[in-house]
C-alpha cells in the first residue's frame, strides 16, 4: 500500500500541523470493498495545502523487494496501469485527488500525473513534465459522494521515450486522452513509483478518502 515518506520537501511539517495535518490508517473494514481499505485524512489551517503519499515499487528503496540492482528490468517497461477504488464521505470539499505513475532511469524522469479536480472544477488534468503545470483535458470528473468509485489509468512510455497518457476510466466510463509529453532530464532516481495525493480547498476543510483494491500492472 502507499506510505508517507519524508523527502525534505517540507522540513518543518509534521502530521499534527498546525498548517497541515495528515494521517494514513490501514486495515479498515468499513467502508471497504475488500474488508481491508486504507484511510487517508488531511486538514489543517493553511489553504490549498496538499499531502502526497508515495510508494517505491521497483528500483531504489523498493517496498516490494524488487531493487533491480542490475538495472535490467526498468528500462524494458513501457506500459503501466493504475487501478484503484476510492470512497469519500465528504468529497465536495476536496480540491482534487491525484493519481500518479512515475518512471526514472538513464537520468530521465517520466511523470504521468492525473488529477481529478472536484472543488477545483470537476475536470481531469494531466501533468506537463517540461512546464511543470497541469493541462486541462476537457474530460469531466464527477466521482460519487458516499459511494465507491473505480478509476483505471492507462499510460505508456513510447519506443522513442515519450510519455503517452492513454486513457482514464471512471466508474466504467472510459475516456481516451492520447496526449503525448516529453520527459525531463533532472533526476538521479532509478525506479518505478506511484503516488496518491489529496488537495485541500480554500478553507483547508478536513476530509477523508478510503482507497481499496489498489493494483498496479506493468510490462
N, C-alpha and C. Protein backbone atom coordinates (compact mmCIF):
# COMPACT_ATOMS: atom_id res chain seq x y z
N UNK A 1 0.84 -1.19 0.00
CA UNK A 1 0.00 0.00 0.00
C UNK A 1 0.88 1.24 0.00
N UNK A 2 0.27 2.40 -0.13
CA UNK A 2 1.03 3.64 -0.15
C UNK A 2 1.54 3.98 1.23
N UNK A 3 2.55 4.82 1.27
CA UNK A 3 3.10 5.27 2.53
C UNK A 3 3.47 6.73 2.40
N UNK A 4 3.60 7.43 3.52
CA UNK A 4 4.02 8.82 3.51
C UNK A 4 5.46 8.90 3.98
N UNK A 5 6.36 9.32 3.11
CA UNK A 5 7.77 9.39 3.45
C UNK A 5 8.23 10.83 3.46
N UNK A 6 9.27 11.11 4.23
CA UNK A 6 9.83 12.46 4.32
C UNK A 6 11.01 12.57 3.37
N UNK A 7 10.87 13.35 2.31
CA UNK A 7 11.95 13.59 1.38
C UNK A 7 12.43 15.04 1.45
N UNK A 8 12.30 15.66 2.66
CA UNK A 8 12.74 17.03 2.90
C UNK A 8 12.04 18.04 2.00
N UNK A 9 10.84 17.72 1.57
CA UNK A 9 10.04 18.68 0.82
C UNK A 9 9.60 19.81 1.74
N UNK A 10 9.29 19.45 2.98
CA UNK A 10 8.89 20.44 3.97
C UNK A 10 9.45 19.98 5.32
N UNK A 11 10.64 20.48 5.65
CA UNK A 11 11.33 20.01 6.85
C UNK A 11 10.58 20.39 8.13
N UNK A 12 9.76 21.44 8.08
CA UNK A 12 9.06 21.90 9.28
C UNK A 12 7.68 21.29 9.43
N UNK A 13 7.25 20.49 8.47
CA UNK A 13 5.89 19.94 8.51
C UNK A 13 5.84 18.70 9.39
N UNK A 14 4.77 18.58 10.16
CA UNK A 14 4.52 17.39 10.97
C UNK A 14 3.07 16.97 10.78
N UNK A 15 2.74 15.69 10.95
CA UNK A 15 1.36 15.24 10.76
C UNK A 15 0.34 15.94 11.64
N UNK A 16 0.80 16.54 12.75
CA UNK A 16 -0.11 17.21 13.68
C UNK A 16 -0.29 18.70 13.38
N UNK A 17 0.30 19.17 12.28
CA UNK A 17 0.10 20.54 11.85
C UNK A 17 0.97 21.54 12.59
N UNK A 18 0.48 22.81 12.74
CA UNK A 18 -0.93 23.18 12.53
C UNK A 18 -1.29 23.52 11.08
N UNK A 19 -0.30 23.89 10.24
CA UNK A 19 -0.67 24.36 8.90
C UNK A 19 -1.30 23.26 8.07
N UNK A 20 -0.77 22.05 8.20
CA UNK A 20 -1.36 20.89 7.52
C UNK A 20 -1.36 19.72 8.47
N UNK A 21 -2.41 18.93 8.43
CA UNK A 21 -2.48 17.70 9.22
C UNK A 21 -2.77 16.55 8.27
N UNK A 22 -2.23 15.38 8.61
CA UNK A 22 -2.50 14.22 7.77
C UNK A 22 -2.31 12.94 8.56
N UNK A 23 -2.93 11.87 8.05
CA UNK A 23 -2.82 10.56 8.67
C UNK A 23 -3.21 9.50 7.65
N UNK A 24 -2.59 8.34 7.75
CA UNK A 24 -2.98 7.17 6.98
C UNK A 24 -3.18 6.01 7.95
N UNK A 25 -4.32 5.33 7.84
CA UNK A 25 -4.62 4.18 8.68
C UNK A 25 -4.99 3.01 7.78
N UNK A 26 -4.29 1.89 7.92
CA UNK A 26 -4.55 0.72 7.10
C UNK A 26 -5.43 -0.29 7.85
N UNK A 27 -5.95 -1.26 7.12
CA UNK A 27 -6.73 -2.33 7.72
C UNK A 27 -8.14 -1.92 8.12
N UNK A 28 -8.74 -1.01 7.36
CA UNK A 28 -10.10 -0.54 7.66
C UNK A 28 -11.11 -1.53 7.06
N UNK A 29 -12.09 -1.93 7.86
CA UNK A 29 -13.10 -2.87 7.37
C UNK A 29 -14.35 -2.18 6.85
N UNK A 30 -14.60 -0.96 7.29
CA UNK A 30 -15.79 -0.22 6.86
C UNK A 30 -15.49 1.27 6.85
N UNK A 31 -15.62 1.95 5.69
CA UNK A 31 -16.04 1.39 4.40
C UNK A 31 -14.90 0.63 3.73
N UNK A 32 -15.24 -0.37 2.98
CA UNK A 32 -14.24 -1.10 2.21
C UNK A 32 -14.95 -1.92 1.13
N UNK A 33 -14.18 -2.30 0.12
CA UNK A 33 -14.65 -3.22 -0.90
C UNK A 33 -14.17 -4.63 -0.55
N UNK A 34 -12.96 -4.71 -0.01
CA UNK A 34 -12.33 -6.00 0.24
C UNK A 34 -12.26 -6.34 1.72
N UNK A 35 -12.81 -5.50 2.59
CA UNK A 35 -12.69 -5.55 4.07
C UNK A 35 -11.28 -5.19 4.52
N UNK A 36 -10.51 -4.53 3.66
CA UNK A 36 -9.15 -4.13 4.04
C UNK A 36 -8.76 -2.87 3.27
N UNK A 37 -9.44 -1.75 3.55
CA UNK A 37 -9.14 -0.49 2.88
C UNK A 37 -8.15 0.32 3.71
N UNK A 38 -7.68 1.42 3.15
CA UNK A 38 -6.80 2.35 3.87
C UNK A 38 -7.43 3.74 3.87
N UNK A 39 -7.37 4.40 5.02
CA UNK A 39 -7.99 5.71 5.19
C UNK A 39 -6.92 6.79 5.16
N UNK A 40 -7.16 7.85 4.36
CA UNK A 40 -6.24 8.97 4.21
C UNK A 40 -6.96 10.25 4.63
N UNK A 41 -6.40 10.95 5.62
CA UNK A 41 -7.02 12.16 6.17
C UNK A 41 -6.11 13.35 5.94
N UNK A 42 -6.70 14.50 5.59
CA UNK A 42 -5.95 15.75 5.59
C UNK A 42 -6.80 16.84 6.23
N UNK A 43 -6.13 17.88 6.69
CA UNK A 43 -6.80 19.03 7.29
C UNK A 43 -5.76 20.09 7.57
N UNK A 44 -6.02 20.93 8.56
CA UNK A 44 -5.07 21.97 8.93
C UNK A 44 -5.64 23.37 8.79
N UNK A 45 -4.75 24.34 8.76
CA UNK A 45 -5.16 25.75 8.72
C UNK A 45 -4.68 26.49 7.48
N UNK A 46 -3.74 25.91 6.73
CA UNK A 46 -3.18 26.60 5.57
C UNK A 46 -3.98 26.25 4.31
N UNK A 47 -4.63 27.24 3.67
CA UNK A 47 -5.46 26.95 2.48
C UNK A 47 -4.64 26.29 1.36
N UNK A 48 -5.32 25.42 0.62
CA UNK A 48 -4.75 24.79 -0.58
C UNK A 48 -3.47 24.00 -0.29
N UNK A 49 -3.39 23.39 0.88
CA UNK A 49 -2.25 22.54 1.21
C UNK A 49 -2.54 21.11 0.76
N UNK A 50 -1.54 20.47 0.17
CA UNK A 50 -1.69 19.12 -0.38
C UNK A 50 -0.81 18.14 0.39
N UNK A 51 -1.27 16.91 0.48
CA UNK A 51 -0.49 15.83 1.10
C UNK A 51 -0.36 14.69 0.10
N UNK A 52 0.88 14.24 -0.10
CA UNK A 52 1.18 13.20 -1.06
C UNK A 52 1.71 11.96 -0.36
N UNK A 53 1.18 10.81 -0.74
CA UNK A 53 1.69 9.51 -0.29
C UNK A 53 2.36 8.82 -1.47
N UNK A 54 3.47 8.17 -1.22
CA UNK A 54 4.32 7.67 -2.29
C UNK A 54 4.77 6.25 -1.99
N UNK A 55 4.85 5.41 -3.01
CA UNK A 55 5.36 4.06 -2.83
C UNK A 55 6.37 3.75 -3.93
N UNK A 56 7.59 3.38 -3.53
CA UNK A 56 8.63 2.96 -4.46
C UNK A 56 8.45 1.46 -4.72
N UNK A 57 7.97 1.11 -5.88
CA UNK A 57 7.64 -0.28 -6.18
C UNK A 57 8.83 -1.07 -6.70
N UNK A 58 9.56 -0.48 -7.65
CA UNK A 58 10.70 -1.17 -8.27
C UNK A 58 11.89 -0.21 -8.25
N UNK A 59 13.08 -0.75 -7.99
CA UNK A 59 14.28 0.07 -8.02
C UNK A 59 14.65 0.60 -6.65
N UNK A 60 15.17 1.84 -6.62
CA UNK A 60 15.64 2.44 -5.38
C UNK A 60 14.55 2.42 -4.31
N UNK A 61 14.90 1.95 -3.11
CA UNK A 61 14.01 1.94 -1.95
C UNK A 61 12.74 1.12 -2.19
N UNK A 62 12.83 0.07 -3.00
CA UNK A 62 11.65 -0.72 -3.34
C UNK A 62 10.97 -1.28 -2.10
N UNK A 63 9.65 -1.08 -2.03
CA UNK A 63 8.85 -1.65 -0.95
C UNK A 63 8.48 -3.11 -1.24
N UNK A 64 8.74 -3.57 -2.45
CA UNK A 64 8.37 -4.92 -2.87
C UNK A 64 9.59 -5.84 -3.00
N UNK A 65 10.73 -5.37 -2.54
CA UNK A 65 11.99 -6.11 -2.67
C UNK A 65 12.33 -6.39 -4.14
N UNK A 66 11.99 -5.43 -5.00
CA UNK A 66 12.33 -5.50 -6.42
C UNK A 66 13.30 -4.36 -6.73
N UNK A 67 14.54 -4.51 -6.28
CA UNK A 67 15.51 -3.41 -6.37
C UNK A 67 16.13 -3.27 -7.75
N UNK A 68 16.03 -4.30 -8.57
CA UNK A 68 16.57 -4.27 -9.93
C UNK A 68 18.01 -3.74 -9.92
N UNK A 69 18.82 -4.33 -9.06
CA UNK A 69 20.18 -3.84 -8.85
C UNK A 69 21.02 -3.87 -10.13
N UNK A 70 20.74 -4.79 -11.01
CA UNK A 70 21.48 -4.87 -12.27
C UNK A 70 20.94 -3.93 -13.34
N UNK A 71 19.84 -3.26 -13.00
CA UNK A 71 19.21 -2.28 -13.90
C UNK A 71 18.87 -2.90 -15.25
N UNK A 72 18.25 -4.08 -15.19
CA UNK A 72 17.86 -4.77 -16.41
C UNK A 72 16.35 -4.80 -16.62
N UNK A 73 15.57 -4.53 -15.56
CA UNK A 73 14.11 -4.63 -15.67
C UNK A 73 13.47 -3.30 -16.08
N UNK A 74 13.74 -2.25 -15.33
CA UNK A 74 13.02 -0.99 -15.53
C UNK A 74 13.15 -0.43 -16.94
N UNK A 75 14.33 -0.48 -17.58
CA UNK A 75 14.42 0.05 -18.95
C UNK A 75 13.55 -0.69 -19.96
N UNK A 76 13.09 -1.91 -19.61
CA UNK A 76 12.27 -2.68 -20.54
C UNK A 76 10.78 -2.38 -20.39
N UNK A 77 10.40 -1.64 -19.36
CA UNK A 77 8.98 -1.43 -19.07
C UNK A 77 8.42 -0.24 -19.84
N UNK A 78 7.29 -0.48 -20.51
CA UNK A 78 6.68 0.57 -21.34
C UNK A 78 5.21 0.84 -21.00
N UNK A 79 4.53 -0.11 -20.40
CA UNK A 79 3.09 0.03 -20.19
C UNK A 79 2.76 -0.10 -18.71
N UNK A 80 1.87 0.80 -18.23
CA UNK A 80 1.53 0.84 -16.82
C UNK A 80 0.03 1.09 -16.65
N UNK A 81 -0.55 0.41 -15.66
CA UNK A 81 -1.97 0.57 -15.35
C UNK A 81 -2.12 0.75 -13.84
N UNK A 82 -2.74 1.83 -13.43
CA UNK A 82 -3.02 2.16 -12.03
C UNK A 82 -4.52 1.96 -11.85
N UNK A 83 -4.90 1.01 -11.00
CA UNK A 83 -6.30 0.59 -10.85
C UNK A 83 -6.64 0.63 -9.36
N UNK A 84 -7.63 1.45 -8.98
CA UNK A 84 -7.92 1.61 -7.55
C UNK A 84 -9.38 2.03 -7.35
N UNK A 85 -9.94 1.63 -6.21
CA UNK A 85 -11.25 2.09 -5.77
C UNK A 85 -11.05 3.15 -4.70
N UNK A 86 -11.89 4.23 -4.73
CA UNK A 86 -11.81 5.24 -3.69
C UNK A 86 -13.21 5.68 -3.26
N UNK A 87 -13.30 6.05 -1.98
CA UNK A 87 -14.57 6.41 -1.34
C UNK A 87 -14.36 7.69 -0.55
N UNK A 88 -15.26 8.64 -0.70
CA UNK A 88 -15.19 9.88 0.08
C UNK A 88 -16.52 10.18 0.72
N UNK A 89 -16.50 10.40 2.04
CA UNK A 89 -17.73 10.73 2.75
C UNK A 89 -18.07 12.21 2.63
N UNK A 90 -17.08 13.02 2.23
CA UNK A 90 -17.29 14.46 2.08
C UNK A 90 -16.52 14.96 0.86
N UNK A 91 -16.72 14.29 -0.26
CA UNK A 91 -15.95 14.59 -1.47
C UNK A 91 -16.07 16.04 -1.95
N UNK A 92 -17.22 16.73 -1.81
CA UNK A 92 -17.31 18.09 -2.35
C UNK A 92 -16.28 19.07 -1.79
N UNK A 93 -15.71 18.81 -0.60
CA UNK A 93 -14.72 19.75 -0.06
C UNK A 93 -13.31 19.44 -0.55
N UNK A 94 -13.13 18.34 -1.26
CA UNK A 94 -11.81 18.01 -1.80
C UNK A 94 -11.50 18.91 -2.99
N UNK A 95 -10.39 19.63 -2.93
CA UNK A 95 -9.99 20.43 -4.09
C UNK A 95 -9.68 19.52 -5.27
N UNK A 96 -8.98 18.41 -4.97
CA UNK A 96 -8.63 17.44 -6.01
C UNK A 96 -8.07 16.19 -5.36
N UNK A 97 -8.16 15.08 -6.11
CA UNK A 97 -7.44 13.86 -5.75
C UNK A 97 -6.56 13.51 -6.95
N UNK A 98 -5.38 13.00 -6.65
CA UNK A 98 -4.36 12.83 -7.69
C UNK A 98 -3.79 11.41 -7.66
N UNK A 99 -3.59 10.85 -8.86
CA UNK A 99 -3.04 9.51 -9.03
C UNK A 99 -1.90 9.60 -10.04
N UNK A 100 -0.68 9.26 -9.61
CA UNK A 100 0.50 9.44 -10.46
C UNK A 100 1.25 8.13 -10.65
N UNK A 101 1.83 8.00 -11.84
CA UNK A 101 2.75 6.91 -12.17
C UNK A 101 4.07 7.54 -12.58
N UNK A 102 5.18 7.03 -12.04
CA UNK A 102 6.49 7.66 -12.30
C UNK A 102 7.52 6.59 -12.66
N UNK A 103 8.34 6.92 -13.65
CA UNK A 103 9.43 6.03 -14.06
C UNK A 103 10.71 6.86 -14.17
N UNK A 104 11.81 6.37 -13.57
CA UNK A 104 13.07 7.09 -13.58
C UNK A 104 14.19 6.14 -13.98
N UNK A 105 14.92 6.50 -15.02
CA UNK A 105 16.11 5.72 -15.39
C UNK A 105 16.89 6.50 -16.43
N UNK A 106 18.19 6.17 -16.54
CA UNK A 106 19.08 6.83 -17.50
C UNK A 106 19.02 8.36 -17.40
N UNK A 107 18.83 8.86 -16.18
CA UNK A 107 18.78 10.31 -15.98
C UNK A 107 17.50 10.98 -16.43
N UNK A 108 16.51 10.18 -16.86
CA UNK A 108 15.25 10.74 -17.36
C UNK A 108 14.13 10.53 -16.34
N UNK A 109 13.25 11.50 -16.27
CA UNK A 109 12.11 11.47 -15.36
C UNK A 109 10.82 11.49 -16.18
N UNK A 110 10.02 10.43 -16.02
CA UNK A 110 8.73 10.31 -16.71
C UNK A 110 7.64 10.36 -15.64
N UNK A 111 6.83 11.41 -15.63
CA UNK A 111 5.78 11.57 -14.62
C UNK A 111 4.43 11.64 -15.33
N UNK A 112 3.64 10.58 -15.15
CA UNK A 112 2.28 10.57 -15.68
C UNK A 112 1.34 10.98 -14.54
N UNK A 113 1.15 12.28 -14.36
CA UNK A 113 0.30 12.80 -13.29
C UNK A 113 -1.13 12.95 -13.77
N UNK A 114 -2.08 12.53 -12.94
CA UNK A 114 -3.51 12.62 -13.25
C UNK A 114 -4.24 13.20 -12.05
N UNK A 115 -4.95 14.28 -12.26
CA UNK A 115 -5.63 14.97 -11.17
C UNK A 115 -7.11 15.12 -11.48
N UNK A 116 -7.94 14.63 -10.57
CA UNK A 116 -9.39 14.83 -10.67
C UNK A 116 -9.76 16.04 -9.83
N UNK A 117 -9.99 17.16 -10.49
CA UNK A 117 -10.42 18.36 -9.77
C UNK A 117 -11.89 18.20 -9.36
N UNK A 118 -12.18 18.42 -8.10
CA UNK A 118 -13.55 18.30 -7.60
C UNK A 118 -14.05 19.70 -7.23
N UNK A 119 -13.66 20.21 -6.05
CA UNK A 119 -13.97 21.61 -5.75
C UNK A 119 -13.28 22.53 -6.76
N UNK A 120 -12.19 22.04 -7.34
CA UNK A 120 -11.43 22.82 -8.32
C UNK A 120 -12.04 22.86 -9.71
N UNK A 121 -13.20 22.19 -9.93
CA UNK A 121 -13.85 22.36 -11.22
C UNK A 121 -14.29 21.12 -11.95
N UNK A 122 -14.26 19.94 -11.33
CA UNK A 122 -14.82 18.71 -11.91
C UNK A 122 -14.28 18.40 -13.31
N UNK A 123 -12.96 18.32 -13.40
CA UNK A 123 -12.32 18.01 -14.67
C UNK A 123 -11.02 17.28 -14.40
N UNK A 124 -10.66 16.36 -15.31
CA UNK A 124 -9.37 15.70 -15.24
C UNK A 124 -8.29 16.58 -15.85
N UNK A 125 -7.15 16.67 -15.17
CA UNK A 125 -5.96 17.31 -15.70
C UNK A 125 -4.85 16.27 -15.81
N UNK A 126 -3.90 16.49 -16.71
CA UNK A 126 -2.69 15.68 -16.75
C UNK A 126 -1.47 16.59 -16.63
N UNK A 127 -0.35 16.02 -16.23
CA UNK A 127 0.83 16.79 -15.87
C UNK A 127 1.73 17.03 -17.08
N UNK A 128 2.09 18.30 -17.29
CA UNK A 128 3.07 18.68 -18.31
C UNK A 128 4.45 18.62 -17.67
N UNK A 129 5.26 17.64 -18.06
CA UNK A 129 6.55 17.42 -17.42
C UNK A 129 7.50 18.59 -17.58
N UNK A 130 7.62 19.12 -18.78
CA UNK A 130 8.59 20.18 -19.05
C UNK A 130 8.19 21.51 -18.40
N UNK A 131 6.92 21.86 -18.49
CA UNK A 131 6.45 23.15 -17.95
C UNK A 131 6.08 23.06 -16.47
N UNK A 132 5.99 21.84 -15.96
CA UNK A 132 5.61 21.61 -14.57
C UNK A 132 4.30 22.32 -14.23
N UNK A 133 3.29 22.00 -15.03
CA UNK A 133 1.97 22.57 -14.80
C UNK A 133 0.91 21.58 -15.29
N UNK A 134 -0.31 21.78 -14.80
CA UNK A 134 -1.41 20.90 -15.17
C UNK A 134 -2.04 21.34 -16.49
N UNK A 135 -2.42 20.36 -17.29
CA UNK A 135 -3.06 20.59 -18.58
C UNK A 135 -4.50 20.09 -18.51
N UNK A 136 -5.50 20.98 -18.62
CA UNK A 136 -6.89 20.52 -18.61
C UNK A 136 -7.16 19.59 -19.78
N UNK A 137 -7.89 18.53 -19.51
CA UNK A 137 -8.16 17.53 -20.55
C UNK A 137 -9.49 17.74 -21.25
N UNK A 138 -10.39 18.50 -20.62
CA UNK A 138 -11.75 18.62 -21.14
C UNK A 138 -12.64 17.45 -20.76
N UNK A 139 -12.09 16.48 -20.02
CA UNK A 139 -12.86 15.30 -19.62
C UNK A 139 -13.45 15.55 -18.23
N UNK A 140 -14.76 15.45 -18.07
CA UNK A 140 -15.36 15.67 -16.75
C UNK A 140 -14.90 14.64 -15.73
N UNK A 141 -14.84 15.06 -14.47
CA UNK A 141 -14.54 14.14 -13.38
C UNK A 141 -15.54 14.40 -12.27
N UNK A 142 -16.50 13.51 -12.17
CA UNK A 142 -17.58 13.66 -11.20
C UNK A 142 -17.74 12.39 -10.37
N UNK A 143 -16.79 12.14 -9.46
CA UNK A 143 -16.92 10.95 -8.62
C UNK A 143 -18.12 11.07 -7.69
N UNK A 144 -18.65 9.94 -7.29
CA UNK A 144 -19.84 9.90 -6.46
C UNK A 144 -19.47 10.04 -4.99
N UNK A 145 -20.21 10.90 -4.29
CA UNK A 145 -20.00 11.08 -2.86
C UNK A 145 -20.70 9.96 -2.09
N UNK A 146 -20.04 9.50 -1.02
CA UNK A 146 -20.61 8.43 -0.18
C UNK A 146 -20.84 7.13 -0.93
N UNK A 147 -20.07 6.92 -2.00
CA UNK A 147 -20.12 5.67 -2.76
C UNK A 147 -18.71 5.32 -3.20
N UNK A 148 -18.51 4.05 -3.52
CA UNK A 148 -17.22 3.64 -4.05
C UNK A 148 -17.11 4.02 -5.52
N UNK A 149 -15.97 4.59 -5.88
CA UNK A 149 -15.64 4.96 -7.24
C UNK A 149 -14.46 4.11 -7.70
N UNK A 150 -14.46 3.75 -8.97
CA UNK A 150 -13.40 2.89 -9.51
C UNK A 150 -12.70 3.64 -10.64
N UNK A 151 -11.40 3.86 -10.48
CA UNK A 151 -10.64 4.56 -11.51
C UNK A 151 -9.54 3.65 -12.04
N UNK A 152 -9.38 3.65 -13.37
CA UNK A 152 -8.32 2.89 -14.03
C UNK A 152 -7.59 3.85 -14.97
N UNK A 153 -6.29 3.97 -14.79
CA UNK A 153 -5.47 4.89 -15.58
C UNK A 153 -4.46 4.08 -16.37
N UNK A 154 -4.42 4.31 -17.68
CA UNK A 154 -3.51 3.58 -18.57
C UNK A 154 -2.56 4.56 -19.24
N UNK A 155 -1.25 4.25 -19.14
CA UNK A 155 -0.23 5.11 -19.75
C UNK A 155 0.82 4.25 -20.44
N UNK A 156 1.68 4.92 -21.20
CA UNK A 156 2.73 4.19 -21.92
C UNK A 156 3.96 5.08 -22.10
N UNK A 157 5.13 4.45 -22.02
CA UNK A 157 6.37 5.09 -22.48
C UNK A 157 6.62 4.57 -23.88
N UNK A 158 6.63 5.46 -24.85
CA UNK A 158 6.74 5.04 -26.24
C UNK A 158 8.16 4.57 -26.56
N UNK A 159 8.32 3.94 -27.73
CA UNK A 159 9.63 3.43 -28.12
C UNK A 159 10.66 4.55 -28.30
N UNK A 160 10.17 5.78 -28.57
CA UNK A 160 11.10 6.91 -28.69
C UNK A 160 11.15 7.74 -27.41
N UNK A 161 10.79 7.11 -26.27
CA UNK A 161 10.89 7.72 -24.95
C UNK A 161 10.06 8.98 -24.78
N UNK A 162 8.83 8.93 -25.25
CA UNK A 162 7.86 9.97 -24.91
C UNK A 162 6.82 9.38 -23.96
N UNK A 163 6.14 10.25 -23.25
CA UNK A 163 5.05 9.82 -22.38
C UNK A 163 3.75 9.87 -23.17
N UNK A 164 2.98 8.81 -23.08
CA UNK A 164 1.65 8.78 -23.69
C UNK A 164 0.63 8.58 -22.58
N UNK A 165 -0.21 9.58 -22.39
CA UNK A 165 -1.36 9.48 -21.49
C UNK A 165 -2.49 8.85 -22.31
N UNK A 166 -2.76 7.59 -22.09
CA UNK A 166 -3.67 6.87 -22.97
C UNK A 166 -5.15 7.06 -22.62
N UNK A 167 -5.55 6.71 -21.39
CA UNK A 167 -6.97 6.77 -21.07
C UNK A 167 -7.19 6.82 -19.56
N UNK A 168 -8.38 7.30 -19.20
CA UNK A 168 -8.86 7.28 -17.82
C UNK A 168 -10.26 6.68 -17.83
N UNK A 169 -10.48 5.70 -16.99
CA UNK A 169 -11.81 5.10 -16.85
C UNK A 169 -12.29 5.36 -15.43
N UNK A 170 -13.42 6.04 -15.31
CA UNK A 170 -14.03 6.31 -14.01
C UNK A 170 -15.42 5.70 -13.98
N UNK A 171 -15.61 4.76 -13.06
CA UNK A 171 -16.91 4.09 -12.90
C UNK A 171 -17.42 3.54 -14.23
N UNK A 172 -16.51 2.81 -14.90
CA UNK A 172 -16.81 2.09 -16.15
C UNK A 172 -16.99 2.99 -17.36
N UNK A 173 -16.77 4.29 -17.22
CA UNK A 173 -16.86 5.19 -18.37
C UNK A 173 -15.45 5.57 -18.80
N UNK A 174 -15.04 5.04 -19.96
CA UNK A 174 -13.67 5.24 -20.42
C UNK A 174 -13.56 6.48 -21.29
N UNK A 175 -12.54 7.30 -20.99
CA UNK A 175 -12.24 8.49 -21.79
C UNK A 175 -10.83 8.36 -22.34
N UNK A 176 -10.69 8.52 -23.64
CA UNK A 176 -9.39 8.38 -24.30
C UNK A 176 -8.71 9.75 -24.32
N UNK A 177 -7.47 9.79 -23.87
CA UNK A 177 -6.68 11.02 -23.85
C UNK A 177 -5.76 11.11 -25.06
N UNK A 178 -4.87 10.10 -25.20
CA UNK A 178 -3.87 10.07 -26.26
C UNK A 178 -3.09 11.38 -26.34
N UNK A 179 -2.64 11.86 -25.18
CA UNK A 179 -1.80 13.06 -25.13
C UNK A 179 -0.34 12.65 -24.94
N UNK A 180 0.55 13.21 -25.76
CA UNK A 180 1.96 12.92 -25.68
C UNK A 180 2.70 14.03 -24.92
N UNK A 181 3.76 13.64 -24.23
CA UNK A 181 4.57 14.60 -23.49
C UNK A 181 6.01 14.12 -23.54
N UNK A 182 6.93 14.96 -23.09
CA UNK A 182 8.35 14.62 -23.10
C UNK A 182 8.88 14.53 -21.68
N UNK A 183 9.84 13.63 -21.44
CA UNK A 183 10.42 13.51 -20.11
C UNK A 183 11.34 14.68 -19.82
N UNK A 184 11.72 14.81 -18.56
CA UNK A 184 12.74 15.78 -18.18
C UNK A 184 14.02 15.03 -17.82
N UNK A 185 15.13 15.74 -17.77
CA UNK A 185 16.43 15.12 -17.51
C UNK A 185 17.03 15.72 -16.24
N UNK A 186 16.29 15.55 -15.14
CA UNK A 186 16.73 16.18 -13.88
C UNK A 186 16.57 15.23 -12.71
N UNK A 187 17.05 14.02 -12.87
CA UNK A 187 16.87 13.06 -11.79
C UNK A 187 18.05 12.12 -11.67
N UNK A 188 18.35 11.74 -10.44
CA UNK A 188 19.30 10.68 -10.20
C UNK A 188 18.61 9.43 -9.70
N UNK A 189 17.27 9.47 -9.66
CA UNK A 189 16.49 8.33 -9.19
C UNK A 189 16.51 7.19 -10.21
N UNK A 190 16.35 5.99 -9.71
CA UNK A 190 16.17 4.83 -10.57
C UNK A 190 15.02 4.02 -10.00
N UNK A 191 13.92 3.94 -10.74
CA UNK A 191 12.81 3.16 -10.22
C UNK A 191 11.48 3.47 -10.87
N UNK A 192 10.48 2.72 -10.42
CA UNK A 192 9.08 2.94 -10.78
C UNK A 192 8.33 3.17 -9.48
N UNK A 193 7.60 4.27 -9.40
CA UNK A 193 6.86 4.62 -8.18
C UNK A 193 5.44 5.01 -8.55
N UNK A 194 4.56 5.00 -7.55
CA UNK A 194 3.22 5.55 -7.71
C UNK A 194 2.96 6.51 -6.56
N UNK A 195 2.11 7.48 -6.82
CA UNK A 195 1.69 8.46 -5.82
C UNK A 195 0.18 8.47 -5.70
N UNK A 196 -0.28 8.86 -4.52
CA UNK A 196 -1.66 9.27 -4.31
C UNK A 196 -1.61 10.56 -3.52
N UNK A 197 -2.41 11.56 -3.92
CA UNK A 197 -2.36 12.87 -3.27
C UNK A 197 -3.77 13.40 -3.04
N UNK A 198 -3.96 14.08 -1.90
CA UNK A 198 -5.19 14.80 -1.61
C UNK A 198 -4.87 16.29 -1.48
N UNK A 199 -5.70 17.11 -2.11
CA UNK A 199 -5.51 18.57 -2.10
C UNK A 199 -6.55 19.24 -1.23
N UNK A 200 -6.10 20.20 -0.42
CA UNK A 200 -7.01 20.96 0.41
C UNK A 200 -7.64 22.11 -0.35
N UNK A 201 -8.82 22.52 0.08
CA UNK A 201 -9.52 23.62 -0.59
C UNK A 201 -9.16 24.96 0.04
N UNK A 202 -9.89 26.02 -0.32
CA UNK A 202 -9.56 27.36 0.14
C UNK A 202 -9.68 27.52 1.65
N UNK A 203 -10.46 26.68 2.29
CA UNK A 203 -10.60 26.71 3.74
C UNK A 203 -9.85 25.58 4.43
N UNK A 204 -9.16 24.76 3.63
CA UNK A 204 -8.47 23.57 4.14
C UNK A 204 -9.41 22.73 5.01
N UNK A 205 -10.65 22.56 4.52
CA UNK A 205 -11.61 21.74 5.25
C UNK A 205 -11.09 20.31 5.37
N UNK A 206 -11.17 19.72 6.54
CA UNK A 206 -10.68 18.34 6.70
C UNK A 206 -11.58 17.36 5.96
N UNK A 207 -10.96 16.33 5.40
CA UNK A 207 -11.76 15.28 4.77
C UNK A 207 -10.94 14.00 4.69
N UNK A 208 -11.65 12.90 4.52
CA UNK A 208 -11.04 11.57 4.45
C UNK A 208 -11.40 10.90 3.13
N UNK A 209 -10.45 10.16 2.60
CA UNK A 209 -10.66 9.29 1.44
C UNK A 209 -10.18 7.89 1.82
N UNK A 210 -10.95 6.89 1.41
CA UNK A 210 -10.54 5.50 1.60
C UNK A 210 -10.16 4.91 0.25
N UNK A 211 -9.02 4.23 0.18
CA UNK A 211 -8.59 3.52 -1.01
C UNK A 211 -8.66 2.02 -0.76
N UNK A 212 -9.04 1.29 -1.80
CA UNK A 212 -9.12 -0.16 -1.66
C UNK A 212 -8.80 -0.82 -3.00
N UNK A 213 -8.34 -2.05 -2.93
CA UNK A 213 -8.05 -2.89 -4.10
C UNK A 213 -7.16 -2.16 -5.09
N UNK A 214 -6.09 -1.54 -4.58
CA UNK A 214 -5.14 -0.86 -5.44
C UNK A 214 -4.27 -1.91 -6.14
N UNK A 215 -4.32 -1.89 -7.46
CA UNK A 215 -3.50 -2.80 -8.27
C UNK A 215 -2.69 -1.99 -9.26
N UNK A 216 -1.45 -2.38 -9.43
CA UNK A 216 -0.57 -1.70 -10.39
C UNK A 216 0.04 -2.75 -11.30
N UNK A 217 -0.17 -2.59 -12.61
CA UNK A 217 0.34 -3.55 -13.59
C UNK A 217 1.40 -2.88 -14.46
N UNK A 218 2.39 -3.66 -14.89
CA UNK A 218 3.46 -3.11 -15.73
C UNK A 218 3.99 -4.22 -16.64
N UNK A 219 4.38 -3.80 -17.83
CA UNK A 219 5.01 -4.75 -18.76
C UNK A 219 5.76 -4.00 -19.85
